Amino acid sequence: MSKVVCLLGSPRPGGNSDQLASRFCEAAEAQRAEILTHALRGLEYSGYVGDGAAGLDGPEDDLTPVLEDVKGADVLVLATPIYFCNMTGQMKLALDRFFGLFRPDYLTNPEPTEFKPGLALVLVQVQGEGSELYGDLLEQYGPALNRMGFARRELIRSCNVRAAGDVMSDTEALERAEKLAGELVKGESDGE
């Protein structure tokens, strides 16, 4: 059974990024994937506070069990609205903590992190403005994501959505979420 771990980075419960990520997770669950969703809002955690050496898990806080779930995921979903031209602070802070999942020899190790080999990343990016602004966060964070070793990276992006629920009118994004979920956990429903 595939395990999907979904991190919700919006400070607004039920916002557009939550709803679009939920559509992906519902479609994955229909393929018999195990779904673990963590809303970062309300968690108390800090950024990476090690001495600069990888392999240190950082502080014990509300993010610690979330990171344990991420280590066992087959698919990682990061869902964030664009706030001040980037992912939310909650999501960026969690992403910074991923450094604690790097092995001490990550620069030379063919498996530099504690992530499960073959881990796929789905970034759900929603924004109130058009697609000409802010760009694709997968490209922006590309060097770090390359180092993390994601086997596959996919973007589900919805633009021009402001009020909670606007994303439910973006049929292209909703269909992409469902299609990707089917591809990434393919075979679960037919016994593979």
N, C-alpha and C. Protein backbone atom coordinates (compact mmCIF):
# COMPACT_ATOMS: atom_id res chain seq x y z
N MET A 1 0.84 -1.18 0.00
CA MET A 1 0.00 0.00 0.00
C MET A 1 0.89 1.24 0.00
N SER A 2 0.61 2.15 -0.90
CA SER A 2 1.35 3.41 -0.96
C SER A 2 0.95 4.30 0.21
N LYS A 3 1.92 5.04 0.72
CA LYS A 3 1.66 6.00 1.78
C LYS A 3 1.84 7.40 1.22
N VAL A 4 0.79 8.22 1.34
CA VAL A 4 0.82 9.61 0.92
C VAL A 4 0.82 10.46 2.18
N VAL A 5 1.83 11.31 2.30
CA VAL A 5 1.89 12.26 3.41
C VAL A 5 1.68 13.65 2.83
N CYS A 6 0.70 14.35 3.38
CA CYS A 6 0.31 15.66 2.87
C CYS A 6 0.53 16.71 3.95
N LEU A 7 1.32 17.73 3.64
CA LEU A 7 1.55 18.85 4.55
C LEU A 7 0.78 20.05 4.03
N LEU A 8 -0.11 20.57 4.84
CA LEU A 8 -0.91 21.73 4.49
C LEU A 8 -0.25 22.98 5.07
N GLY A 9 0.19 23.87 4.19
CA GLY A 9 0.94 25.04 4.62
C GLY A 9 0.14 26.31 4.78
N SER A 10 -1.14 26.27 4.50
CA SER A 10 -1.96 27.48 4.60
C SER A 10 -2.30 27.78 6.05
N PRO A 11 -2.23 29.06 6.43
CA PRO A 11 -2.70 29.42 7.76
C PRO A 11 -4.22 29.45 7.85
N ARG A 12 -4.90 29.32 6.71
CA ARG A 12 -6.36 29.41 6.65
C ARG A 12 -6.95 28.01 6.48
N PRO A 13 -7.64 27.49 7.51
CA PRO A 13 -8.28 26.18 7.36
C PRO A 13 -9.31 26.20 6.24
N GLY A 14 -9.29 25.16 5.41
CA GLY A 14 -10.28 25.06 4.34
C GLY A 14 -10.04 25.99 3.17
N GLY A 15 -8.84 26.56 3.09
CA GLY A 15 -8.52 27.45 1.98
C GLY A 15 -8.32 26.67 0.69
N ASN A 16 -7.99 27.39 -0.35
CA ASN A 16 -7.87 26.79 -1.68
C ASN A 16 -6.79 25.72 -1.77
N SER A 17 -5.63 25.95 -1.13
CA SER A 17 -4.59 24.92 -1.20
C SER A 17 -5.02 23.67 -0.43
N ASP A 18 -5.71 23.84 0.70
CA ASP A 18 -6.23 22.69 1.44
C ASP A 18 -7.21 21.90 0.57
N GLN A 19 -8.08 22.60 -0.13
CA GLN A 19 -9.11 21.94 -0.92
C GLN A 19 -8.51 21.19 -2.12
N LEU A 20 -7.52 21.80 -2.76
CA LEU A 20 -6.90 21.15 -3.91
C LEU A 20 -6.07 19.93 -3.47
N ALA A 21 -5.37 20.06 -2.35
CA ALA A 21 -4.62 18.92 -1.81
C ALA A 21 -5.58 17.81 -1.40
N SER A 22 -6.71 18.19 -0.84
CA SER A 22 -7.71 17.21 -0.44
C SER A 22 -8.23 16.43 -1.64
N ARG A 23 -8.39 17.10 -2.77
CA ARG A 23 -8.85 16.42 -3.98
C ARG A 23 -7.83 15.36 -4.39
N PHE A 24 -6.53 15.71 -4.34
CA PHE A 24 -5.48 14.74 -4.66
C PHE A 24 -5.55 13.56 -3.69
N CYS A 25 -5.64 13.85 -2.40
CA CYS A 25 -5.63 12.79 -1.39
C CYS A 25 -6.86 11.89 -1.50
N GLU A 26 -8.01 12.46 -1.80
CA GLU A 26 -9.22 11.65 -1.98
C GLU A 26 -9.05 10.69 -3.16
N ALA A 27 -8.47 11.19 -4.24
CA ALA A 27 -8.25 10.33 -5.41
C ALA A 27 -7.23 9.24 -5.10
N ALA A 28 -6.20 9.57 -4.33
CA ALA A 28 -5.20 8.57 -3.94
C ALA A 28 -5.81 7.53 -3.01
N GLU A 29 -6.65 7.99 -2.10
CA GLU A 29 -7.32 7.06 -1.18
C GLU A 29 -8.24 6.10 -1.94
N ALA A 30 -8.85 6.58 -3.01
CA ALA A 30 -9.69 5.72 -3.85
C ALA A 30 -8.86 4.60 -4.49
N GLN A 31 -7.55 4.83 -4.62
CA GLN A 31 -6.63 3.80 -5.14
C GLN A 31 -6.04 2.96 -4.00
N ARG A 32 -6.62 3.11 -2.82
CA ARG A 32 -6.23 2.37 -1.61
C ARG A 32 -4.91 2.83 -1.01
N ALA A 33 -4.51 4.04 -1.27
CA ALA A 33 -3.32 4.58 -0.61
C ALA A 33 -3.67 4.97 0.83
N GLU A 34 -2.69 4.86 1.70
CA GLU A 34 -2.83 5.35 3.07
C GLU A 34 -2.54 6.85 3.04
N ILE A 35 -3.38 7.66 3.64
CA ILE A 35 -3.23 9.10 3.61
C ILE A 35 -2.98 9.61 5.03
N LEU A 36 -1.91 10.37 5.20
CA LEU A 36 -1.61 11.04 6.46
C LEU A 36 -1.50 12.53 6.16
N THR A 37 -2.40 13.32 6.73
CA THR A 37 -2.42 14.75 6.47
C THR A 37 -2.05 15.50 7.74
N HIS A 38 -1.16 16.47 7.60
CA HIS A 38 -0.74 17.31 8.72
C HIS A 38 -0.94 18.77 8.35
N ALA A 39 -1.77 19.46 9.09
CA ALA A 39 -1.92 20.91 8.92
C ALA A 39 -0.83 21.58 9.75
N LEU A 40 0.04 22.32 9.09
CA LEU A 40 1.15 22.96 9.79
C LEU A 40 0.67 24.11 10.68
N ARG A 41 -0.44 24.73 10.30
CA ARG A 41 -0.98 25.83 11.11
C ARG A 41 -1.30 25.27 12.49
N GLY A 42 -0.93 26.00 13.49
CA GLY A 42 -1.23 25.58 14.85
C GLY A 42 -0.15 24.70 15.47
N LEU A 43 0.74 24.13 14.66
CA LEU A 43 1.85 23.37 15.22
C LEU A 43 2.90 24.35 15.74
N GLU A 44 3.55 23.97 16.81
CA GLU A 44 4.65 24.79 17.33
C GLU A 44 5.95 24.10 16.97
N TYR A 45 6.74 24.75 16.12
CA TYR A 45 8.01 24.19 15.70
C TYR A 45 8.94 25.30 15.26
N SER A 46 10.21 24.95 15.22
CA SER A 46 11.21 25.93 14.79
C SER A 46 11.91 25.40 13.55
N GLY A 47 12.74 26.23 12.97
CA GLY A 47 13.53 25.83 11.82
C GLY A 47 14.67 24.94 12.26
N TYR A 48 15.49 24.56 11.31
CA TYR A 48 16.65 23.72 11.59
C TYR A 48 17.60 24.49 12.49
N VAL A 49 18.03 23.89 13.58
CA VAL A 49 18.89 24.58 14.54
C VAL A 49 20.15 23.77 14.85
N GLY A 50 20.60 22.96 13.90
CA GLY A 50 21.81 22.17 14.10
C GLY A 50 23.05 23.02 13.97
N ASP A 51 24.19 22.36 13.98
CA ASP A 51 25.47 23.07 13.89
C ASP A 51 25.96 23.19 12.45
N GLY A 52 25.08 22.94 11.50
CA GLY A 52 25.45 23.02 10.09
C GLY A 52 25.78 21.67 9.50
N ALA A 53 25.89 20.65 10.32
CA ALA A 53 26.16 19.30 9.83
C ALA A 53 24.83 18.60 9.61
N ALA A 54 24.69 17.94 8.50
CA ALA A 54 23.46 17.20 8.23
C ALA A 54 23.36 16.01 9.15
N GLY A 55 22.19 15.44 9.21
CA GLY A 55 21.99 14.25 10.01
C GLY A 55 21.50 14.54 11.41
N LEU A 56 21.36 15.79 11.74
CA LEU A 56 20.83 16.16 13.05
C LEU A 56 19.35 16.46 12.89
N ASP A 57 18.56 15.84 13.71
CA ASP A 57 17.12 16.00 13.57
C ASP A 57 16.59 17.31 14.11
N GLY A 58 17.39 18.05 14.83
CA GLY A 58 16.92 19.32 15.36
C GLY A 58 16.12 19.11 16.62
N PRO A 59 15.33 20.09 16.99
CA PRO A 59 14.62 20.04 18.26
C PRO A 59 13.46 19.06 18.23
N GLU A 60 13.09 18.59 19.41
CA GLU A 60 11.86 17.80 19.56
C GLU A 60 10.73 18.81 19.71
N ASP A 61 9.83 18.82 18.76
CA ASP A 61 8.70 19.73 18.80
C ASP A 61 7.55 19.13 18.01
N ASP A 62 6.54 19.93 17.72
CA ASP A 62 5.36 19.40 17.03
C ASP A 62 5.65 18.89 15.62
N LEU A 63 6.76 19.30 15.02
CA LEU A 63 7.09 18.85 13.66
C LEU A 63 7.80 17.49 13.66
N THR A 64 8.34 17.07 14.78
CA THR A 64 9.10 15.83 14.84
C THR A 64 8.30 14.62 14.35
N PRO A 65 7.07 14.38 14.82
CA PRO A 65 6.32 13.23 14.29
C PRO A 65 5.92 13.40 12.82
N VAL A 66 5.78 14.63 12.38
CA VAL A 66 5.48 14.89 10.97
C VAL A 66 6.65 14.44 10.12
N LEU A 67 7.87 14.79 10.54
CA LEU A 67 9.06 14.39 9.80
C LEU A 67 9.22 12.87 9.78
N GLU A 68 8.85 12.21 10.86
CA GLU A 68 8.89 10.74 10.88
C GLU A 68 7.95 10.17 9.82
N ASP A 69 6.76 10.77 9.69
CA ASP A 69 5.83 10.32 8.65
C ASP A 69 6.41 10.57 7.26
N VAL A 70 7.03 11.73 7.07
CA VAL A 70 7.61 12.07 5.76
C VAL A 70 8.67 11.04 5.38
N LYS A 71 9.47 10.59 6.34
CA LYS A 71 10.52 9.60 6.05
C LYS A 71 9.95 8.30 5.48
N GLY A 72 8.73 7.96 5.84
CA GLY A 72 8.14 6.71 5.37
C GLY A 72 7.21 6.86 4.19
N ALA A 73 7.13 8.06 3.62
CA ALA A 73 6.17 8.32 2.54
C ALA A 73 6.66 7.79 1.20
N ASP A 74 5.70 7.40 0.37
CA ASP A 74 5.95 7.10 -1.04
C ASP A 74 5.68 8.34 -1.89
N VAL A 75 4.72 9.14 -1.45
CA VAL A 75 4.36 10.39 -2.12
C VAL A 75 4.26 11.46 -1.05
N LEU A 76 4.94 12.58 -1.27
CA LEU A 76 4.87 13.73 -0.37
C LEU A 76 4.14 14.85 -1.09
N VAL A 77 3.08 15.35 -0.47
CA VAL A 77 2.31 16.47 -1.02
C VAL A 77 2.58 17.68 -0.15
N LEU A 78 3.08 18.75 -0.76
CA LEU A 78 3.27 20.02 -0.08
C LEU A 78 2.26 20.99 -0.67
N ALA A 79 1.33 21.47 0.14
CA ALA A 79 0.27 22.36 -0.35
C ALA A 79 0.44 23.74 0.27
N THR A 80 0.55 24.74 -0.59
CA THR A 80 0.76 26.10 -0.08
C THR A 80 0.13 27.14 -0.99
N PRO A 81 -0.46 28.16 -0.37
CA PRO A 81 -0.80 29.34 -1.16
C PRO A 81 0.46 30.19 -1.30
N ILE A 82 0.42 31.12 -2.22
CA ILE A 82 1.50 32.09 -2.34
C ILE A 82 1.18 33.27 -1.43
N TYR A 83 2.07 33.54 -0.50
CA TYR A 83 1.96 34.69 0.39
C TYR A 83 3.24 35.49 0.23
N PHE A 84 3.13 36.75 -0.03
CA PHE A 84 4.30 37.61 -0.22
C PHE A 84 5.29 36.99 -1.19
N CYS A 85 4.79 36.55 -2.32
CA CYS A 85 5.58 36.10 -3.47
C CYS A 85 6.24 34.74 -3.30
N ASN A 86 5.86 33.96 -2.31
CA ASN A 86 6.52 32.68 -2.09
C ASN A 86 5.58 31.74 -1.32
N MET A 87 6.07 30.53 -1.03
CA MET A 87 5.31 29.64 -0.17
C MET A 87 5.14 30.29 1.19
N THR A 88 4.20 29.81 1.97
CA THR A 88 3.97 30.40 3.29
C THR A 88 5.18 30.15 4.20
N GLY A 89 5.28 30.97 5.22
CA GLY A 89 6.34 30.80 6.21
C GLY A 89 6.27 29.45 6.89
N GLN A 90 5.06 28.98 7.16
CA GLN A 90 4.90 27.67 7.80
C GLN A 90 5.52 26.57 6.94
N MET A 91 5.27 26.63 5.64
CA MET A 91 5.79 25.60 4.74
C MET A 91 7.31 25.72 4.60
N LYS A 92 7.80 26.94 4.46
CA LYS A 92 9.24 27.14 4.30
C LYS A 92 9.98 26.66 5.55
N LEU A 93 9.45 26.95 6.72
CA LEU A 93 10.07 26.52 7.96
C LEU A 93 10.13 24.99 8.03
N ALA A 94 9.04 24.33 7.64
CA ALA A 94 9.04 22.86 7.62
C ALA A 94 10.04 22.33 6.60
N LEU A 95 10.09 22.96 5.43
CA LEU A 95 11.04 22.54 4.39
C LEU A 95 12.48 22.69 4.87
N ASP A 96 12.76 23.76 5.59
CA ASP A 96 14.10 23.95 6.16
C ASP A 96 14.47 22.80 7.09
N ARG A 97 13.50 22.29 7.82
CA ARG A 97 13.77 21.19 8.74
C ARG A 97 14.10 19.89 8.01
N PHE A 98 13.78 19.79 6.73
CA PHE A 98 14.14 18.59 5.97
C PHE A 98 15.66 18.39 5.96
N PHE A 99 16.43 19.46 6.19
CA PHE A 99 17.88 19.31 6.23
C PHE A 99 18.30 18.30 7.30
N GLY A 100 17.52 18.19 8.36
CA GLY A 100 17.80 17.22 9.41
C GLY A 100 17.62 15.78 8.95
N LEU A 101 17.03 15.58 7.77
CA LEU A 101 16.85 14.23 7.22
C LEU A 101 17.97 13.85 6.26
N PHE A 102 18.92 14.74 6.07
CA PHE A 102 20.09 14.41 5.25
C PHE A 102 21.06 13.59 6.06
N ARG A 103 21.72 12.66 5.41
CA ARG A 103 22.76 11.85 6.06
C ARG A 103 24.04 12.69 6.16
N PRO A 104 24.89 12.41 7.15
CA PRO A 104 26.11 13.22 7.31
C PRO A 104 26.99 13.25 6.05
N ASP A 105 26.98 12.18 5.25
CA ASP A 105 27.80 12.14 4.04
C ASP A 105 26.97 12.43 2.79
N TYR A 106 25.97 13.29 2.92
CA TYR A 106 25.01 13.53 1.83
C TYR A 106 25.66 14.03 0.55
N LEU A 107 26.80 14.67 0.64
CA LEU A 107 27.44 15.20 -0.57
C LEU A 107 27.99 14.10 -1.47
N THR A 108 28.30 12.95 -0.90
CA THR A 108 28.87 11.85 -1.68
C THR A 108 28.00 10.59 -1.68
N ASN A 109 27.01 10.53 -0.83
CA ASN A 109 26.16 9.35 -0.71
C ASN A 109 25.12 9.34 -1.83
N PRO A 110 24.99 8.22 -2.57
CA PRO A 110 23.98 8.15 -3.62
C PRO A 110 22.54 8.22 -3.07
N GLU A 111 22.37 7.92 -1.80
CA GLU A 111 21.08 8.11 -1.12
C GLU A 111 21.30 9.10 0.01
N PRO A 112 21.28 10.40 -0.33
CA PRO A 112 21.71 11.43 0.62
C PRO A 112 20.76 11.70 1.78
N THR A 113 19.52 11.21 1.70
CA THR A 113 18.56 11.51 2.75
C THR A 113 17.98 10.25 3.35
N GLU A 114 17.22 10.44 4.40
CA GLU A 114 16.49 9.34 5.03
C GLU A 114 15.13 9.11 4.37
N PHE A 115 14.83 9.85 3.31
CA PHE A 115 13.59 9.62 2.58
C PHE A 115 13.61 8.22 1.98
N LYS A 116 12.43 7.66 1.80
CA LYS A 116 12.29 6.38 1.14
C LYS A 116 12.76 6.52 -0.31
N PRO A 117 13.57 5.60 -0.82
CA PRO A 117 13.97 5.68 -2.23
C PRO A 117 12.74 5.68 -3.14
N GLY A 118 12.78 6.51 -4.16
CA GLY A 118 11.67 6.60 -5.10
C GLY A 118 10.58 7.57 -4.69
N LEU A 119 10.81 8.32 -3.61
CA LEU A 119 9.80 9.27 -3.13
C LEU A 119 9.43 10.27 -4.21
N ALA A 120 8.13 10.44 -4.41
CA ALA A 120 7.61 11.42 -5.37
C ALA A 120 7.13 12.65 -4.61
N LEU A 121 7.29 13.81 -5.21
CA LEU A 121 6.84 15.07 -4.62
C LEU A 121 5.75 15.67 -5.49
N VAL A 122 4.67 16.08 -4.85
CA VAL A 122 3.61 16.84 -5.52
C VAL A 122 3.51 18.17 -4.79
N LEU A 123 3.73 19.25 -5.52
CA LEU A 123 3.57 20.58 -4.95
C LEU A 123 2.24 21.15 -5.42
N VAL A 124 1.40 21.48 -4.48
CA VAL A 124 0.13 22.15 -4.76
C VAL A 124 0.36 23.63 -4.48
N GLN A 125 0.29 24.43 -5.52
CA GLN A 125 0.57 25.87 -5.44
C GLN A 125 -0.67 26.64 -5.90
N VAL A 126 -1.24 27.44 -5.01
CA VAL A 126 -2.39 28.27 -5.39
C VAL A 126 -2.05 29.73 -5.15
N GLN A 127 -2.64 30.59 -5.97
CA GLN A 127 -2.34 32.01 -5.85
C GLN A 127 -3.50 32.85 -6.36
N GLY A 128 -3.61 34.03 -5.79
CA GLY A 128 -4.68 34.93 -6.17
C GLY A 128 -4.44 35.64 -7.48
N GLU A 129 -3.20 35.68 -7.92
CA GLU A 129 -2.84 36.38 -9.15
C GLU A 129 -2.71 35.39 -10.31
N GLY A 130 -2.47 35.95 -11.49
CA GLY A 130 -2.33 35.14 -12.69
C GLY A 130 -1.03 34.37 -12.74
N SER A 131 -0.92 33.49 -13.71
CA SER A 131 0.24 32.61 -13.84
C SER A 131 1.52 33.34 -14.21
N GLU A 132 1.41 34.57 -14.69
CA GLU A 132 2.61 35.32 -15.06
C GLU A 132 3.40 35.77 -13.83
N LEU A 133 2.80 35.69 -12.65
CA LEU A 133 3.48 36.08 -11.42
C LEU A 133 3.93 34.86 -10.63
N TYR A 134 5.04 35.02 -9.95
CA TYR A 134 5.59 34.07 -8.97
C TYR A 134 6.21 32.82 -9.56
N GLY A 135 5.83 32.39 -10.72
CA GLY A 135 6.47 31.24 -11.33
C GLY A 135 6.14 29.93 -10.65
N ASP A 136 6.89 28.94 -11.04
CA ASP A 136 6.73 27.57 -10.60
C ASP A 136 7.70 27.35 -9.44
N LEU A 137 7.18 27.12 -8.23
CA LEU A 137 8.04 26.93 -7.07
C LEU A 137 8.93 25.69 -7.20
N LEU A 138 8.52 24.70 -8.00
CA LEU A 138 9.39 23.54 -8.21
C LEU A 138 10.69 23.97 -8.88
N GLU A 139 10.61 24.93 -9.78
CA GLU A 139 11.83 25.44 -10.42
C GLU A 139 12.65 26.26 -9.43
N GLN A 140 11.97 27.11 -8.68
CA GLN A 140 12.67 27.97 -7.72
C GLN A 140 13.46 27.14 -6.70
N TYR A 141 12.86 26.07 -6.21
CA TYR A 141 13.51 25.23 -5.21
C TYR A 141 14.22 24.03 -5.83
N GLY A 142 14.37 24.03 -7.14
CA GLY A 142 14.94 22.90 -7.87
C GLY A 142 16.26 22.37 -7.32
N PRO A 143 17.26 23.23 -7.07
CA PRO A 143 18.54 22.70 -6.57
C PRO A 143 18.39 21.93 -5.25
N ALA A 144 17.61 22.44 -4.33
CA ALA A 144 17.40 21.74 -3.06
C ALA A 144 16.63 20.44 -3.28
N LEU A 145 15.62 20.49 -4.14
CA LEU A 145 14.83 19.29 -4.40
C LEU A 145 15.65 18.22 -5.11
N ASN A 146 16.57 18.66 -5.99
CA ASN A 146 17.48 17.71 -6.64
C ASN A 146 18.32 16.99 -5.59
N ARG A 147 18.86 17.75 -4.65
CA ARG A 147 19.72 17.17 -3.62
C ARG A 147 18.93 16.20 -2.74
N MET A 148 17.65 16.49 -2.54
CA MET A 148 16.82 15.61 -1.71
C MET A 148 16.52 14.29 -2.41
N GLY A 149 16.68 14.24 -3.73
CA GLY A 149 16.56 12.98 -4.44
C GLY A 149 15.15 12.54 -4.79
N PHE A 150 14.23 13.47 -4.92
CA PHE A 150 12.88 13.08 -5.31
C PHE A 150 12.91 12.41 -6.68
N ALA A 151 12.32 11.24 -6.79
CA ALA A 151 12.32 10.49 -8.05
C ALA A 151 11.45 11.16 -9.09
N ARG A 152 10.42 11.81 -8.64
CA ARG A 152 9.48 12.49 -9.54
C ARG A 152 8.95 13.72 -8.82
N ARG A 153 8.84 14.81 -9.56
CA ARG A 153 8.30 16.05 -9.00
C ARG A 153 7.21 16.56 -9.92
N GLU A 154 6.07 16.86 -9.34
CA GLU A 154 4.92 17.32 -10.11
C GLU A 154 4.31 18.55 -9.46
N LEU A 155 3.80 19.44 -10.29
CA LEU A 155 3.15 20.66 -9.83
C LEU A 155 1.67 20.63 -10.18
N ILE A 156 0.86 20.97 -9.21
CA ILE A 156 -0.56 21.24 -9.45
C ILE A 156 -0.74 22.70 -9.07
N ARG A 157 -1.01 23.54 -10.05
CA ARG A 157 -1.05 24.98 -9.82
C ARG A 157 -2.41 25.54 -10.21
N SER A 158 -2.94 26.37 -9.33
CA SER A 158 -4.20 27.05 -9.61
C SER A 158 -4.00 28.54 -9.38
N CYS A 159 -4.29 29.33 -10.40
CA CYS A 159 -4.09 30.78 -10.34
C CYS A 159 -5.44 31.50 -10.34
N ASN A 160 -5.40 32.75 -9.93
CA ASN A 160 -6.60 33.60 -9.90
C ASN A 160 -7.67 33.04 -8.97
N VAL A 161 -7.25 32.44 -7.86
CA VAL A 161 -8.19 31.96 -6.85
C VAL A 161 -7.93 32.73 -5.56
N ARG A 162 -8.93 33.40 -5.07
CA ARG A 162 -8.77 34.22 -3.86
C ARG A 162 -9.66 33.73 -2.72
N ALA A 163 -10.96 33.80 -2.92
CA ALA A 163 -11.88 33.39 -1.86
C ALA A 163 -11.82 31.87 -1.68
N ALA A 164 -11.93 31.43 -0.43
CA ALA A 164 -11.96 29.99 -0.17
C ALA A 164 -13.04 29.35 -1.03
N GLY A 165 -12.67 28.31 -1.74
CA GLY A 165 -13.60 27.61 -2.61
C GLY A 165 -13.46 27.96 -4.08
N ASP A 166 -12.78 29.08 -4.39
CA ASP A 166 -12.58 29.45 -5.79
C ASP A 166 -11.92 28.33 -6.58
N VAL A 167 -11.03 27.58 -5.94
CA VAL A 167 -10.28 26.53 -6.63
C VAL A 167 -11.21 25.43 -7.15
N MET A 168 -12.38 25.30 -6.55
CA MET A 168 -13.30 24.25 -6.99
C MET A 168 -13.89 24.53 -8.37
N SER A 169 -13.65 25.74 -8.89
CA SER A 169 -14.07 26.07 -10.25
C SER A 169 -12.94 25.87 -11.27
N ASP A 170 -11.75 25.54 -10.79
CA ASP A 170 -10.60 25.33 -11.67
C ASP A 170 -10.57 23.85 -12.07
N THR A 171 -11.36 23.51 -13.07
CA THR A 171 -11.48 22.10 -13.46
C THR A 171 -10.15 21.52 -13.93
N GLU A 172 -9.31 22.33 -14.55
CA GLU A 172 -8.02 21.82 -15.01
C GLU A 172 -7.16 21.37 -13.83
N ALA A 173 -7.09 22.17 -12.77
CA ALA A 173 -6.29 21.81 -11.60
C ALA A 173 -6.90 20.60 -10.88
N LEU A 174 -8.21 20.57 -10.76
CA LEU A 174 -8.87 19.44 -10.09
C LEU A 174 -8.64 18.14 -10.86
N GLU A 175 -8.75 18.20 -12.18
CA GLU A 175 -8.51 17.01 -13.00
C GLU A 175 -7.05 16.58 -12.92
N ARG A 176 -6.14 17.54 -12.89
CA ARG A 176 -4.72 17.20 -12.77
C ARG A 176 -4.46 16.50 -11.44
N ALA A 177 -5.07 17.00 -10.37
CA ALA A 177 -4.89 16.37 -9.05
C ALA A 177 -5.36 14.92 -9.08
N GLU A 178 -6.51 14.69 -9.65
CA GLU A 178 -7.04 13.32 -9.72
C GLU A 178 -6.18 12.43 -10.60
N LYS A 179 -5.74 12.95 -11.73
CA LYS A 179 -4.91 12.17 -12.66
C LYS A 179 -3.57 11.81 -12.02
N LEU A 180 -2.92 12.79 -11.39
CA LEU A 180 -1.63 12.52 -10.76
C LEU A 180 -1.76 11.51 -9.63
N ALA A 181 -2.81 11.63 -8.85
CA ALA A 181 -3.01 10.66 -7.77
C ALA A 181 -3.12 9.25 -8.34
N GLY A 182 -3.86 9.12 -9.43
CA GLY A 182 -4.00 7.82 -10.07
C GLY A 182 -2.68 7.28 -10.58
N GLU A 183 -1.85 8.16 -11.15
CA GLU A 183 -0.55 7.74 -11.67
C GLU A 183 0.42 7.36 -10.55
N LEU A 184 0.44 8.16 -9.49
CA LEU A 184 1.46 7.96 -8.46
C LEU A 184 1.16 6.81 -7.52
N VAL A 185 -0.09 6.41 -7.42
CA VAL A 185 -0.43 5.25 -6.60
C VAL A 185 -1.08 4.17 -7.45
N LYS A 186 -0.79 4.21 -8.74
CA LYS A 186 -1.37 3.28 -9.72
C LYS A 186 -1.17 1.83 -9.30
N GLY A 187 -2.20 1.07 -9.52
CA GLY A 187 -2.11 -0.36 -9.26
C GLY A 187 -2.57 -0.77 -7.89
N GLU A 188 -2.72 0.17 -6.97
CA GLU A 188 -3.12 -0.20 -5.62
C GLU A 188 -4.51 -0.84 -5.61
N SER A 189 -5.41 -0.34 -6.45
CA SER A 189 -6.78 -0.86 -6.42
C SER A 189 -6.93 -2.20 -7.13
N ASP A 190 -5.95 -2.55 -7.98
CA ASP A 190 -6.09 -3.84 -8.67
C ASP A 190 -5.04 -4.84 -8.22
N GLY A 191 -4.62 -4.70 -6.95
CA GLY A 191 -3.80 -5.72 -6.34
C GLY A 191 -2.33 -5.71 -6.67
N GLU A 192 -1.86 -4.71 -7.40
CA GLU A 192 -0.43 -4.68 -7.74
C GLU A 192 0.39 -4.26 -6.54
